[in-house]
Structure formats: C-alpha cells, structure tokens
C-alpha cells in the first residue's frame, strides 16, 4: 500500500486529478509536497468506492488540505466552496 508521497510525483506537472483514497498515508507531512503540482485541482483521500486513507481520521484534515492546496476545486469527490 502507498504510505507516503514525498517527491514521487514531482515530475507530474500536468497532473490535475489524483486519487489517493484507501492508502496508508496517515499524516500531514506529505501534503505540502502535493502543493508542488501546479495543475492539481482534484484530490481524493476519501472515496465512496474505495474507502478512506488513514490521514482522513486526523482532526481537521480537510481544512489542512484546503489551506495547503488552495487551487483545489474538488476534495474527496465534493466541490470546494468559500462557504463557511
């Protein structure tokens, strides 16, 4: 199972949609590395078809992701909005 991202996706500048659901990623340390993907607008760590990554159990993980990945339009198959 995938347990970290680190620099593994570094050369994928055109990557727009990434599904890391049901992986063993269990902490926030890999999230800033995803910010280096300039075209990433859709990310799933939780998907109804595949399940959740371990990181989804962390407190405020969606808020953390949206803060570090401000270009996201879709997170966990849901549209990201400015609504409070």
C-alpha atoms as a PDB file:
ATOM      1  CA  UNK A   1       0.000   0.000   0.000  1.00  0.00           C
ATOM      2  CA  UNK A   2       1.104   3.561  -0.633  1.00  0.00           C
ATOM      3  CA  UNK A   3       2.266   5.081   2.648  1.00  0.00           C
ATOM      4  CA  UNK A   4       3.884   8.337   1.505  1.00  0.00           C
ATOM      5  CA  UNK A   5       4.059  10.632  -1.493  1.00  0.00           C
ATOM      6  CA  UNK A   6       7.115  12.802  -0.785  1.00  0.00           C
ATOM      7  CA  UNK A   7       8.752  13.604  -4.142  1.00  0.00           C
ATOM      8  CA  UNK A   8       7.321  10.627  -6.057  1.00  0.00           C
ATOM      9  CA  UNK A   9       5.001  12.864  -8.115  1.00  0.00           C
ATOM     10  CA  UNK A  10       7.428  15.748  -8.531  1.00  0.00           C
ATOM     11  CA  UNK A  11       7.739  15.464 -12.337  1.00  0.00           C
ATOM     12  CA  UNK A  12       3.998  15.285 -12.981  1.00  0.00           C
ATOM     13  CA  UNK A  13       3.431  18.979 -13.655  1.00  0.00           C
ATOM     14  CA  UNK A  14       0.302  18.320 -15.731  1.00  0.00           C
ATOM     15  CA  UNK A  15      -1.423  16.148 -13.114  1.00  0.00           C
ATOM     16  CA  UNK A  16      -4.902  17.558 -12.451  1.00  0.00           C
ATOM     17  CA  UNK A  17      -6.746  14.741 -10.675  1.00  0.00           C
ATOM     18  CA  UNK A  18      -5.239  12.464  -8.018  1.00  0.00           C
ATOM     19  CA  UNK A  19      -6.995   9.726  -6.075  1.00  0.00           C
ATOM     20  CA  UNK A  20      -5.073   8.545  -3.016  1.00  0.00           C
ATOM     21  CA  UNK A  21      -8.069   7.018  -1.270  1.00  0.00           C
ATOM     22  CA  UNK A  22      -7.644   3.769   0.670  1.00  0.00           C
ATOM     23  CA  UNK A  23      -3.889   4.305   1.021  1.00  0.00           C
ATOM     24  CA  UNK A  24      -1.749   4.042   4.140  1.00  0.00           C
ATOM     25  CA  UNK A  25      -0.949   7.778   4.094  1.00  0.00           C
ATOM     26  CA  UNK A  26      -1.502   8.586   7.738  1.00  0.00           C
ATOM     27  CA  UNK A  27      -0.058  12.018   8.495  1.00  0.00           C
ATOM     28  CA  UNK A  28       0.141  15.537   7.132  1.00  0.00           C
ATOM     29  CA  UNK A  29       3.834  15.510   6.145  1.00  0.00           C
ATOM     30  CA  UNK A  30       3.108  14.593   2.504  1.00  0.00           C
ATOM     31  CA  UNK A  31       0.516  17.303   1.883  1.00  0.00           C
ATOM     32  CA  UNK A  32       2.968  20.175   1.217  1.00  0.00           C
ATOM     33  CA  UNK A  33       4.659  18.070  -1.480  1.00  0.00           C
ATOM     34  CA  UNK A  34       1.325  17.906  -3.315  1.00  0.00           C
ATOM     35  CA  UNK A  35       1.332  21.713  -3.444  1.00  0.00           C
ATOM     36  CA  UNK A  36       4.216  21.444  -5.924  1.00  0.00           C
ATOM     37  CA  UNK A  37       1.786  20.025  -8.503  1.00  0.00           C
ATOM     38  CA  UNK A  38       0.726  23.255 -10.240  1.00  0.00           C
ATOM     39  CA  UNK A  39      -2.294  21.823 -12.106  1.00  0.00           C
ATOM     40  CA  UNK A  40      -3.741  19.718  -9.262  1.00  0.00           C
ATOM     41  CA  UNK A  41      -7.382  20.738  -8.840  1.00  0.00           C
ATOM     42  CA  UNK A  42      -8.978  17.475  -7.704  1.00  0.00           C
ATOM     43  CA  UNK A  43      -7.741  15.302  -4.836  1.00  0.00           C
ATOM     44  CA  UNK A  44      -9.386  12.350  -3.139  1.00  0.00           C
ATOM     45  CA  UNK A  45      -8.179  10.811   0.094  1.00  0.00           C
ATOM     46  CA  UNK A  46     -11.666   9.533   0.797  1.00  0.00           C
ATOM     47  CA  UNK A  47     -13.766   7.996  -1.955  1.00  0.00           C
ATOM     48  CA  UNK A  48     -17.099   6.166  -1.554  1.00  0.00           C
ATOM     49  CA  UNK A  49     -15.941   3.478  -4.000  1.00  0.00           C
ATOM     50  CA  UNK A  50     -12.521   2.777  -2.478  1.00  0.00           C
ATOM     51  CA  UNK A  51     -12.607   3.924   1.164  1.00  0.00           C
ATOM     52  CA  UNK A  52     -10.545   6.340   3.227  1.00  0.00           C
ATOM     53  CA  UNK A  53      -6.837   6.888   3.645  1.00  0.00           C
ATOM     54  CA  UNK A  54      -5.590   6.852   7.222  1.00  0.00           C
ATOM     55  CA  UNK A  55      -5.000  10.613   7.132  1.00  0.00           C
ATOM     56  CA  UNK A  56      -8.774  11.145   6.979  1.00  0.00           C
ATOM     57  CA  UNK A  57      -9.048  10.231  10.650  1.00  0.00           C
ATOM     58  CA  UNK A  58      -6.895  13.215  11.679  1.00  0.00           C
ATOM     59  CA  UNK A  59      -8.621  16.225  13.153  1.00  0.00           C
ATOM     60  CA  UNK A  60      -9.413  18.938  10.568  1.00  0.00           C
ATOM     61  CA  UNK A  61      -7.688  17.134   7.729  1.00  0.00           C
ATOM     62  CA  UNK A  62      -9.899  18.789   5.086  1.00  0.00           C
ATOM     63  CA  UNK A  63      -9.148  22.257   6.453  1.00  0.00           C
ATOM     64  CA  UNK A  64      -5.437  21.444   6.432  1.00  0.00           C
ATOM     65  CA  UNK A  65      -5.600  20.247   2.824  1.00  0.00           C
ATOM     66  CA  UNK A  66      -7.533  23.256   1.578  1.00  0.00           C
ATOM     67  CA  UNK A  67      -5.085  25.601   3.328  1.00  0.00           C
ATOM     68  CA  UNK A  68      -2.021  23.953   1.769  1.00  0.00           C
ATOM     69  CA  UNK A  69      -3.635  23.264  -1.615  1.00  0.00           C
ATOM     70  CA  UNK A  70      -5.603  26.444  -2.376  1.00  0.00           C
ATOM     71  CA  UNK A  71      -6.095  25.530  -6.061  1.00  0.00           C
ATOM     72  CA  UNK A  72      -8.272  22.526  -5.205  1.00  0.00           C
ATOM     73  CA  UNK A  73     -11.735  22.711  -6.723  1.00  0.00           C
ATOM     74  CA  UNK A  74     -12.712  19.177  -5.667  1.00  0.00           C
ATOM     75  CA  UNK A  75     -11.731  17.389  -2.445  1.00  0.00           C
ATOM     76  CA  UNK A  76     -12.923  13.871  -1.644  1.00  0.00           C
ATOM     77  CA  UNK A  77     -15.381  13.993  -4.583  1.00  0.00           C
ATOM     78  CA  UNK A  78     -17.016  17.184  -3.214  1.00  0.00           C
ATOM     79  CA  UNK A  79     -16.724  20.697  -4.631  1.00  0.00           C
ATOM     80  CA  UNK A  80     -14.621  23.084  -2.567  1.00  0.00           C
ATOM     81  CA  UNK A  81     -16.519  26.316  -1.905  1.00  0.00           C
ATOM     82  CA  UNK A  82     -15.929  29.504   0.019  1.00  0.00           C
ATOM     83  CA  UNK A  83     -18.977  28.865   2.213  1.00  0.00           C
ATOM     84  CA  UNK A  84     -18.257  28.884   5.925  1.00  0.00           C
END
